[in-house]
Amino acid sequence: MAKVTVKKTVKAPLEQVWASWDDFGNIYRFNPNLRSSRLLPESKASGIGALRQCDMADGKNYIREKIIGYRDQKEIVIDIYEGTMPLKSAVATLSFLSPGSEHVVVKMEMDFKPKFGLLGALMIPMMKPKFRQMLQALLDSNAAYVEKGKTVGLAT
């Protein structure tokens, strides 16, 4: 498996930052990589077992995600279990550290294994910078959403 890690300090209280991520079905509001997102019909709103579909901004690709780890205001672990992206498996972990009352450090780690066996393994050096860029854009957009109310989702 390959790993990518990004961080962002958000100038807002932990409760506000957590609420933005805990609104599991509506990540499209601040994720610039998505056209839309929604909870799946059999899903609960949040917590372990919550399910969502994220439709990518290109209008062609999608991923389905499931919360597999959840510690209130501390951590969310998300399994990307299905989709059209070239991933055999991927798990994203969001960690929240609040060293002060008015800012939060959000860390996102993604462990992934590409599809296509040896060919996929050879693609890892090209995939890691792209994933790092996408994840950093996600954290940056989340900060703008929480701090300034700026939405970026394309859903109508």
N, C-alpha and C. Protein backbone atom coordinates (compact mmCIF):
# COMPACT_ATOMS: atom_id res chain seq x y z
N MET A 1 0.84 -1.19 0.00
CA MET A 1 0.00 0.00 0.00
C MET A 1 0.88 1.24 0.00
N ALA A 2 0.37 2.29 -0.62
CA ALA A 2 1.03 3.59 -0.62
C ALA A 2 0.29 4.51 0.34
N LYS A 3 0.96 5.54 0.82
CA LYS A 3 0.35 6.46 1.77
C LYS A 3 0.62 7.90 1.36
N VAL A 4 -0.41 8.73 1.52
CA VAL A 4 -0.31 10.17 1.30
C VAL A 4 -0.87 10.85 2.54
N THR A 5 -0.18 11.89 3.03
CA THR A 5 -0.62 12.62 4.22
C THR A 5 -0.61 14.12 3.92
N VAL A 6 -1.69 14.81 4.32
CA VAL A 6 -1.78 16.27 4.21
C VAL A 6 -2.35 16.81 5.51
N LYS A 7 -2.08 18.10 5.78
CA LYS A 7 -2.59 18.76 6.99
C LYS A 7 -3.04 20.17 6.66
N LYS A 8 -3.93 20.67 7.50
CA LYS A 8 -4.41 22.05 7.35
C LYS A 8 -4.87 22.55 8.72
N THR A 9 -4.49 23.77 9.07
CA THR A 9 -5.00 24.41 10.28
C THR A 9 -6.21 25.24 9.90
N VAL A 10 -7.32 25.00 10.58
CA VAL A 10 -8.56 25.71 10.34
C VAL A 10 -8.80 26.64 11.52
N LYS A 11 -9.07 27.90 11.23
CA LYS A 11 -9.28 28.90 12.28
C LYS A 11 -10.76 28.93 12.66
N ALA A 12 -11.13 27.95 13.47
CA ALA A 12 -12.51 27.82 13.92
C ALA A 12 -12.53 26.84 15.09
N PRO A 13 -13.58 26.86 15.90
CA PRO A 13 -13.68 25.89 17.00
C PRO A 13 -13.83 24.47 16.48
N LEU A 14 -13.37 23.52 17.27
CA LEU A 14 -13.43 22.11 16.91
C LEU A 14 -14.85 21.68 16.54
N GLU A 15 -15.85 22.11 17.30
CA GLU A 15 -17.23 21.70 17.04
C GLU A 15 -17.67 22.08 15.63
N GLN A 16 -17.26 23.25 15.18
CA GLN A 16 -17.65 23.73 13.85
C GLN A 16 -16.92 22.94 12.75
N VAL A 17 -15.63 22.70 12.94
CA VAL A 17 -14.86 21.94 11.96
C VAL A 17 -15.40 20.51 11.89
N TRP A 18 -15.61 19.89 13.03
CA TRP A 18 -16.13 18.52 13.08
C TRP A 18 -17.49 18.44 12.38
N ALA A 19 -18.36 19.39 12.64
CA ALA A 19 -19.70 19.36 12.05
C ALA A 19 -19.65 19.35 10.52
N SER A 20 -18.69 20.05 9.95
CA SER A 20 -18.59 20.09 8.48
C SER A 20 -18.26 18.71 7.92
N TRP A 21 -17.40 17.97 8.59
CA TRP A 21 -17.02 16.63 8.13
C TRP A 21 -18.06 15.58 8.52
N ASP A 22 -18.74 15.80 9.65
CA ASP A 22 -19.72 14.83 10.14
C ASP A 22 -21.02 14.89 9.33
N ASP A 23 -21.21 15.93 8.54
CA ASP A 23 -22.36 16.03 7.62
C ASP A 23 -22.00 15.18 6.40
N PHE A 24 -21.95 13.90 6.60
CA PHE A 24 -21.31 12.95 5.69
C PHE A 24 -21.83 13.00 4.26
N GLY A 25 -23.11 13.14 4.08
CA GLY A 25 -23.67 13.12 2.73
C GLY A 25 -23.42 14.39 1.93
N ASN A 26 -23.01 15.46 2.58
CA ASN A 26 -22.93 16.76 1.91
C ASN A 26 -21.50 17.27 1.73
N ILE A 27 -20.54 16.39 1.58
CA ILE A 27 -19.16 16.81 1.40
C ILE A 27 -18.98 17.62 0.11
N TYR A 28 -19.88 17.46 -0.84
CA TYR A 28 -19.78 18.21 -2.09
C TYR A 28 -19.75 19.72 -1.85
N ARG A 29 -20.30 20.17 -0.73
CA ARG A 29 -20.37 21.61 -0.45
C ARG A 29 -18.99 22.25 -0.39
N PHE A 30 -17.98 21.46 0.00
CA PHE A 30 -16.64 22.05 0.07
C PHE A 30 -15.57 21.23 -0.64
N ASN A 31 -15.93 20.16 -1.31
CA ASN A 31 -14.93 19.33 -1.98
C ASN A 31 -14.84 19.73 -3.46
N PRO A 32 -13.73 20.38 -3.86
CA PRO A 32 -13.61 20.83 -5.25
C PRO A 32 -13.41 19.69 -6.24
N ASN A 33 -13.19 18.48 -5.75
CA ASN A 33 -12.99 17.33 -6.60
C ASN A 33 -14.30 16.65 -7.00
N LEU A 34 -15.42 17.14 -6.45
CA LEU A 34 -16.72 16.49 -6.66
C LEU A 34 -17.71 17.35 -7.41
N ARG A 35 -18.58 16.66 -8.13
CA ARG A 35 -19.75 17.30 -8.74
C ARG A 35 -20.92 17.25 -7.75
N SER A 36 -21.03 16.10 -7.04
CA SER A 36 -22.11 15.94 -6.07
C SER A 36 -21.76 14.82 -5.10
N SER A 37 -22.53 14.75 -4.01
CA SER A 37 -22.42 13.65 -3.05
C SER A 37 -23.77 13.47 -2.40
N ARG A 38 -24.00 12.25 -1.91
CA ARG A 38 -25.28 11.98 -1.24
C ARG A 38 -25.15 10.71 -0.42
N LEU A 39 -25.96 10.65 0.63
CA LEU A 39 -26.05 9.41 1.39
C LEU A 39 -26.74 8.37 0.52
N LEU A 40 -26.34 7.12 0.66
CA LEU A 40 -27.03 6.05 -0.05
C LEU A 40 -28.33 5.73 0.69
N PRO A 41 -29.34 5.21 -0.01
CA PRO A 41 -30.66 5.01 0.61
C PRO A 41 -30.65 4.20 1.90
N GLU A 42 -29.76 3.21 2.00
CA GLU A 42 -29.74 2.36 3.18
C GLU A 42 -28.86 2.93 4.30
N SER A 43 -28.36 4.12 4.13
CA SER A 43 -27.41 4.71 5.08
C SER A 43 -28.08 5.44 6.23
N LYS A 44 -27.34 5.51 7.33
CA LYS A 44 -27.71 6.43 8.41
C LYS A 44 -26.96 7.74 8.14
N ALA A 45 -27.24 8.79 8.89
CA ALA A 45 -26.69 10.12 8.62
C ALA A 45 -25.19 10.21 8.85
N SER A 46 -24.68 9.51 9.86
CA SER A 46 -23.26 9.58 10.17
C SER A 46 -22.88 8.43 11.09
N GLY A 47 -21.62 8.38 11.50
CA GLY A 47 -21.15 7.33 12.38
C GLY A 47 -20.79 6.07 11.61
N ILE A 48 -20.32 5.08 12.35
CA ILE A 48 -19.90 3.82 11.73
C ILE A 48 -21.06 3.23 10.93
N GLY A 49 -20.75 2.87 9.70
CA GLY A 49 -21.75 2.28 8.82
C GLY A 49 -22.41 3.26 7.86
N ALA A 50 -22.20 4.58 8.04
CA ALA A 50 -22.78 5.56 7.11
C ALA A 50 -22.17 5.34 5.72
N LEU A 51 -23.00 5.47 4.70
CA LEU A 51 -22.59 5.21 3.31
C LEU A 51 -22.91 6.42 2.44
N ARG A 52 -21.99 6.75 1.54
CA ARG A 52 -22.27 7.83 0.58
C ARG A 52 -21.67 7.52 -0.77
N GLN A 53 -22.22 8.19 -1.76
CA GLN A 53 -21.64 8.16 -3.11
C GLN A 53 -21.17 9.55 -3.43
N CYS A 54 -19.96 9.64 -3.96
CA CYS A 54 -19.37 10.89 -4.40
C CYS A 54 -19.17 10.81 -5.90
N ASP A 55 -19.79 11.72 -6.64
CA ASP A 55 -19.63 11.79 -8.08
C ASP A 55 -18.56 12.83 -8.39
N MET A 56 -17.52 12.39 -9.09
CA MET A 56 -16.36 13.23 -9.33
C MET A 56 -16.70 14.40 -10.26
N ALA A 57 -15.89 15.45 -10.17
CA ALA A 57 -16.12 16.67 -10.94
C ALA A 57 -16.06 16.43 -12.44
N ASP A 58 -15.36 15.37 -12.88
CA ASP A 58 -15.26 15.10 -14.32
C ASP A 58 -16.58 14.61 -14.93
N GLY A 59 -17.56 14.29 -14.06
CA GLY A 59 -18.87 13.85 -14.55
C GLY A 59 -18.90 12.40 -15.00
N LYS A 60 -17.79 11.68 -14.90
CA LYS A 60 -17.71 10.30 -15.38
C LYS A 60 -17.46 9.30 -14.26
N ASN A 61 -16.66 9.69 -13.29
CA ASN A 61 -16.22 8.76 -12.25
C ASN A 61 -16.97 8.98 -10.94
N TYR A 62 -16.99 7.93 -10.13
CA TYR A 62 -17.61 8.01 -8.81
C TYR A 62 -16.86 7.10 -7.84
N ILE A 63 -17.08 7.35 -6.56
CA ILE A 63 -16.62 6.43 -5.51
C ILE A 63 -17.75 6.27 -4.50
N ARG A 64 -17.76 5.12 -3.85
CA ARG A 64 -18.67 4.88 -2.73
C ARG A 64 -17.82 4.67 -1.49
N GLU A 65 -18.27 5.29 -0.41
CA GLU A 65 -17.49 5.31 0.82
C GLU A 65 -18.34 4.87 2.01
N LYS A 66 -17.64 4.29 2.99
CA LYS A 66 -18.30 3.81 4.20
C LYS A 66 -17.45 4.22 5.40
N ILE A 67 -18.09 4.77 6.43
CA ILE A 67 -17.37 5.07 7.66
C ILE A 67 -17.13 3.77 8.41
N ILE A 68 -15.85 3.47 8.65
CA ILE A 68 -15.49 2.23 9.35
C ILE A 68 -14.85 2.51 10.71
N GLY A 69 -14.57 3.76 11.00
CA GLY A 69 -14.03 4.16 12.30
C GLY A 69 -14.55 5.54 12.64
N TYR A 70 -14.94 5.76 13.89
CA TYR A 70 -15.57 7.02 14.25
C TYR A 70 -15.37 7.29 15.73
N ARG A 71 -14.62 8.33 16.04
CA ARG A 71 -14.45 8.79 17.42
C ARG A 71 -14.84 10.26 17.44
N ASP A 72 -15.95 10.57 18.07
CA ASP A 72 -16.55 11.90 18.05
C ASP A 72 -15.52 13.01 18.30
N GLN A 73 -15.44 13.92 17.35
CA GLN A 73 -14.57 15.10 17.38
C GLN A 73 -13.08 14.76 17.46
N LYS A 74 -12.75 13.52 17.10
CA LYS A 74 -11.34 13.09 17.11
C LYS A 74 -10.91 12.47 15.78
N GLU A 75 -11.74 11.56 15.23
CA GLU A 75 -11.29 10.82 14.06
C GLU A 75 -12.47 10.21 13.29
N ILE A 76 -12.34 10.22 11.97
CA ILE A 76 -13.26 9.51 11.07
C ILE A 76 -12.39 8.68 10.12
N VAL A 77 -12.70 7.39 10.00
CA VAL A 77 -11.98 6.51 9.08
C VAL A 77 -12.97 6.07 8.00
N ILE A 78 -12.59 6.30 6.75
CA ILE A 78 -13.50 6.07 5.62
C ILE A 78 -12.88 5.08 4.65
N ASP A 79 -13.62 4.02 4.36
CA ASP A 79 -13.22 3.01 3.38
C ASP A 79 -13.83 3.36 2.03
N ILE A 80 -12.99 3.50 1.02
CA ILE A 80 -13.48 3.67 -0.35
C ILE A 80 -13.63 2.25 -0.90
N TYR A 81 -14.86 1.77 -0.92
CA TYR A 81 -15.09 0.36 -1.17
C TYR A 81 -15.55 0.03 -2.59
N GLU A 82 -15.87 1.03 -3.38
CA GLU A 82 -16.37 0.78 -4.73
C GLU A 82 -16.18 2.04 -5.55
N GLY A 83 -16.07 1.87 -6.86
CA GLY A 83 -16.01 3.04 -7.72
C GLY A 83 -15.30 2.77 -9.02
N THR A 84 -15.19 3.84 -9.79
CA THR A 84 -14.57 3.75 -11.11
C THR A 84 -13.13 4.24 -11.12
N MET A 85 -12.64 4.70 -9.99
CA MET A 85 -11.26 5.16 -9.90
C MET A 85 -10.33 3.93 -9.94
N PRO A 86 -9.07 4.11 -10.34
CA PRO A 86 -8.16 2.96 -10.46
C PRO A 86 -7.60 2.50 -9.11
N LEU A 87 -8.51 2.22 -8.16
CA LEU A 87 -8.10 1.82 -6.82
C LEU A 87 -8.62 0.43 -6.50
N LYS A 88 -7.73 -0.44 -6.07
CA LYS A 88 -8.14 -1.75 -5.57
C LYS A 88 -8.70 -1.60 -4.17
N SER A 89 -8.03 -0.76 -3.37
CA SER A 89 -8.50 -0.46 -2.02
C SER A 89 -7.95 0.90 -1.60
N ALA A 90 -8.69 1.56 -0.72
CA ALA A 90 -8.25 2.85 -0.19
C ALA A 90 -8.99 3.13 1.11
N VAL A 91 -8.24 3.65 2.08
CA VAL A 91 -8.81 4.05 3.36
C VAL A 91 -8.26 5.42 3.69
N ALA A 92 -9.17 6.35 4.00
CA ALA A 92 -8.78 7.70 4.39
C ALA A 92 -9.09 7.89 5.87
N THR A 93 -8.14 8.46 6.59
CA THR A 93 -8.32 8.74 8.01
C THR A 93 -8.20 10.24 8.23
N LEU A 94 -9.26 10.83 8.79
CA LEU A 94 -9.27 12.24 9.16
C LEU A 94 -9.10 12.33 10.66
N SER A 95 -8.07 13.06 11.10
CA SER A 95 -7.82 13.26 12.52
C SER A 95 -7.94 14.75 12.84
N PHE A 96 -8.49 15.05 14.01
CA PHE A 96 -8.74 16.42 14.42
C PHE A 96 -8.03 16.69 15.74
N LEU A 97 -7.13 17.67 15.73
CA LEU A 97 -6.40 18.05 16.93
C LEU A 97 -6.67 19.52 17.19
N SER A 98 -7.15 19.83 18.37
CA SER A 98 -7.50 21.20 18.71
C SER A 98 -6.58 21.72 19.81
N PRO A 99 -5.41 22.26 19.41
CA PRO A 99 -4.48 22.76 20.42
C PRO A 99 -4.92 24.07 21.07
N GLY A 100 -5.90 24.75 20.47
CA GLY A 100 -6.44 25.98 21.03
C GLY A 100 -7.93 26.02 20.79
N SER A 101 -8.61 26.93 21.47
CA SER A 101 -10.07 26.95 21.36
C SER A 101 -10.56 27.48 20.02
N GLU A 102 -9.71 28.14 19.27
CA GLU A 102 -10.17 28.75 18.01
C GLU A 102 -9.42 28.26 16.78
N HIS A 103 -8.74 27.12 16.87
CA HIS A 103 -8.16 26.52 15.67
C HIS A 103 -8.00 25.01 15.85
N VAL A 104 -8.06 24.35 14.70
CA VAL A 104 -8.02 22.89 14.66
C VAL A 104 -7.05 22.47 13.56
N VAL A 105 -6.20 21.51 13.86
CA VAL A 105 -5.34 20.92 12.84
C VAL A 105 -6.05 19.67 12.34
N VAL A 106 -6.37 19.68 11.05
CA VAL A 106 -7.00 18.53 10.42
C VAL A 106 -5.91 17.80 9.63
N LYS A 107 -5.74 16.53 9.93
CA LYS A 107 -4.77 15.70 9.21
C LYS A 107 -5.53 14.62 8.46
N MET A 108 -5.19 14.45 7.20
CA MET A 108 -5.82 13.42 6.39
C MET A 108 -4.74 12.51 5.83
N GLU A 109 -4.89 11.21 6.12
CA GLU A 109 -3.98 10.20 5.60
C GLU A 109 -4.79 9.27 4.71
N MET A 110 -4.24 8.96 3.55
CA MET A 110 -4.90 8.01 2.67
C MET A 110 -3.92 6.89 2.33
N ASP A 111 -4.32 5.67 2.69
CA ASP A 111 -3.58 4.47 2.30
C ASP A 111 -4.32 3.88 1.11
N PHE A 112 -3.58 3.61 0.05
CA PHE A 112 -4.26 3.08 -1.14
C PHE A 112 -3.40 2.05 -1.86
N LYS A 113 -4.13 1.20 -2.58
CA LYS A 113 -3.49 0.20 -3.43
C LYS A 113 -4.18 0.30 -4.80
N PRO A 114 -3.41 0.59 -5.85
CA PRO A 114 -4.03 0.72 -7.17
C PRO A 114 -4.46 -0.64 -7.75
N LYS A 115 -5.39 -0.57 -8.68
CA LYS A 115 -5.77 -1.75 -9.47
C LYS A 115 -4.63 -2.08 -10.43
N PHE A 116 -4.77 -3.13 -11.15
CA PHE A 116 -3.91 -3.51 -12.28
C PHE A 116 -2.57 -4.12 -11.87
N GLY A 117 -2.50 -4.73 -10.68
CA GLY A 117 -1.31 -5.51 -10.30
C GLY A 117 0.00 -4.75 -10.40
N LEU A 118 0.96 -5.36 -11.11
CA LEU A 118 2.29 -4.78 -11.24
C LEU A 118 2.24 -3.43 -11.96
N LEU A 119 1.41 -3.33 -12.98
CA LEU A 119 1.27 -2.06 -13.69
C LEU A 119 0.77 -0.97 -12.73
N GLY A 120 -0.20 -1.30 -11.89
CA GLY A 120 -0.69 -0.35 -10.90
C GLY A 120 0.39 0.05 -9.92
N ALA A 121 1.19 -0.92 -9.48
CA ALA A 121 2.28 -0.61 -8.55
C ALA A 121 3.27 0.34 -9.19
N LEU A 122 3.51 0.18 -10.47
CA LEU A 122 4.43 1.09 -11.18
C LEU A 122 3.84 2.50 -11.31
N MET A 123 2.52 2.61 -11.20
CA MET A 123 1.86 3.92 -11.32
C MET A 123 1.88 4.71 -10.00
N ILE A 124 2.23 4.07 -8.88
CA ILE A 124 2.19 4.73 -7.57
C ILE A 124 2.97 6.04 -7.55
N PRO A 125 4.20 6.09 -8.09
CA PRO A 125 4.92 7.37 -8.04
C PRO A 125 4.21 8.52 -8.78
N MET A 126 3.39 8.19 -9.77
CA MET A 126 2.62 9.22 -10.47
C MET A 126 1.32 9.53 -9.73
N MET A 127 0.75 8.54 -9.05
CA MET A 127 -0.52 8.71 -8.37
C MET A 127 -0.38 9.52 -7.08
N LYS A 128 0.70 9.30 -6.34
CA LYS A 128 0.86 9.95 -5.04
C LYS A 128 0.80 11.48 -5.12
N PRO A 129 1.54 12.13 -6.03
CA PRO A 129 1.43 13.60 -6.09
C PRO A 129 0.03 14.08 -6.47
N LYS A 130 -0.64 13.34 -7.34
CA LYS A 130 -2.00 13.72 -7.74
C LYS A 130 -2.96 13.58 -6.56
N PHE A 131 -2.88 12.47 -5.84
CA PHE A 131 -3.73 12.30 -4.65
C PHE A 131 -3.42 13.35 -3.59
N ARG A 132 -2.13 13.64 -3.39
CA ARG A 132 -1.74 14.66 -2.41
C ARG A 132 -2.35 16.02 -2.80
N GLN A 133 -2.30 16.34 -4.07
CA GLN A 133 -2.87 17.60 -4.56
C GLN A 133 -4.39 17.64 -4.34
N MET A 134 -5.07 16.55 -4.65
CA MET A 134 -6.53 16.48 -4.48
C MET A 134 -6.92 16.59 -3.01
N LEU A 135 -6.18 15.88 -2.14
CA LEU A 135 -6.51 15.90 -0.71
C LEU A 135 -6.21 17.26 -0.09
N GLN A 136 -5.11 17.89 -0.51
CA GLN A 136 -4.80 19.22 0.02
C GLN A 136 -5.86 20.23 -0.43
N ALA A 137 -6.31 20.13 -1.68
CA ALA A 137 -7.38 21.01 -2.16
C ALA A 137 -8.64 20.80 -1.33
N LEU A 138 -8.92 19.56 -0.96
CA LEU A 138 -10.09 19.25 -0.13
C LEU A 138 -9.95 19.93 1.24
N LEU A 139 -8.80 19.79 1.88
CA LEU A 139 -8.61 20.42 3.20
C LEU A 139 -8.64 21.94 3.10
N ASP A 140 -8.03 22.50 2.07
CA ASP A 140 -8.05 23.96 1.88
C ASP A 140 -9.47 24.46 1.68
N SER A 141 -10.25 23.74 0.89
CA SER A 141 -11.64 24.14 0.64
C SER A 141 -12.50 23.97 1.88
N ASN A 142 -12.23 22.94 2.68
CA ASN A 142 -12.95 22.78 3.93
C ASN A 142 -12.68 23.97 4.85
N ALA A 143 -11.43 24.41 4.91
CA ALA A 143 -11.09 25.57 5.75
C ALA A 143 -11.85 26.81 5.27
N ALA A 144 -11.91 27.04 3.97
CA ALA A 144 -12.64 28.18 3.43
C ALA A 144 -14.14 28.07 3.73
N TYR A 145 -14.67 26.86 3.68
CA TYR A 145 -16.08 26.62 3.97
C TYR A 145 -16.39 26.93 5.43
N VAL A 146 -15.55 26.41 6.34
CA VAL A 146 -15.79 26.60 7.77
C VAL A 146 -15.53 28.04 8.19
N GLU A 147 -14.44 28.61 7.72
CA GLU A 147 -14.03 29.95 8.14
C GLU A 147 -14.86 31.07 7.51
N LYS A 148 -15.24 30.88 6.23
CA LYS A 148 -15.87 31.98 5.48
C LYS A 148 -17.22 31.62 4.87
N GLY A 149 -17.65 30.37 5.03
CA GLY A 149 -18.92 29.95 4.44
C GLY A 149 -18.86 29.74 2.94
N LYS A 150 -17.67 29.60 2.39
CA LYS A 150 -17.49 29.47 0.95
C LYS A 150 -17.78 28.04 0.50
N THR A 151 -18.78 27.87 -0.35
CA THR A 151 -19.09 26.55 -0.89
C THR A 151 -18.46 26.41 -2.28
N VAL A 152 -18.15 25.17 -2.64
CA VAL A 152 -17.54 24.92 -3.94
C VAL A 152 -18.26 23.83 -4.71
N GLY A 153 -19.19 23.13 -4.08
CA GLY A 153 -19.85 22.00 -4.73
C GLY A 153 -20.60 22.42 -5.99
N LEU A 154 -20.63 21.53 -6.95
CA LEU A 154 -21.28 21.79 -8.23
C LEU A 154 -22.72 21.28 -8.27
N ALA A 155 -23.14 20.55 -7.25
CA ALA A 155 -24.48 19.94 -7.27
C ALA A 155 -25.56 21.01 -7.36
N THR A 156 -26.61 20.67 -8.05
CA THR A 156 -27.72 21.63 -8.18
C THR A 156 -28.95 21.08 -7.51
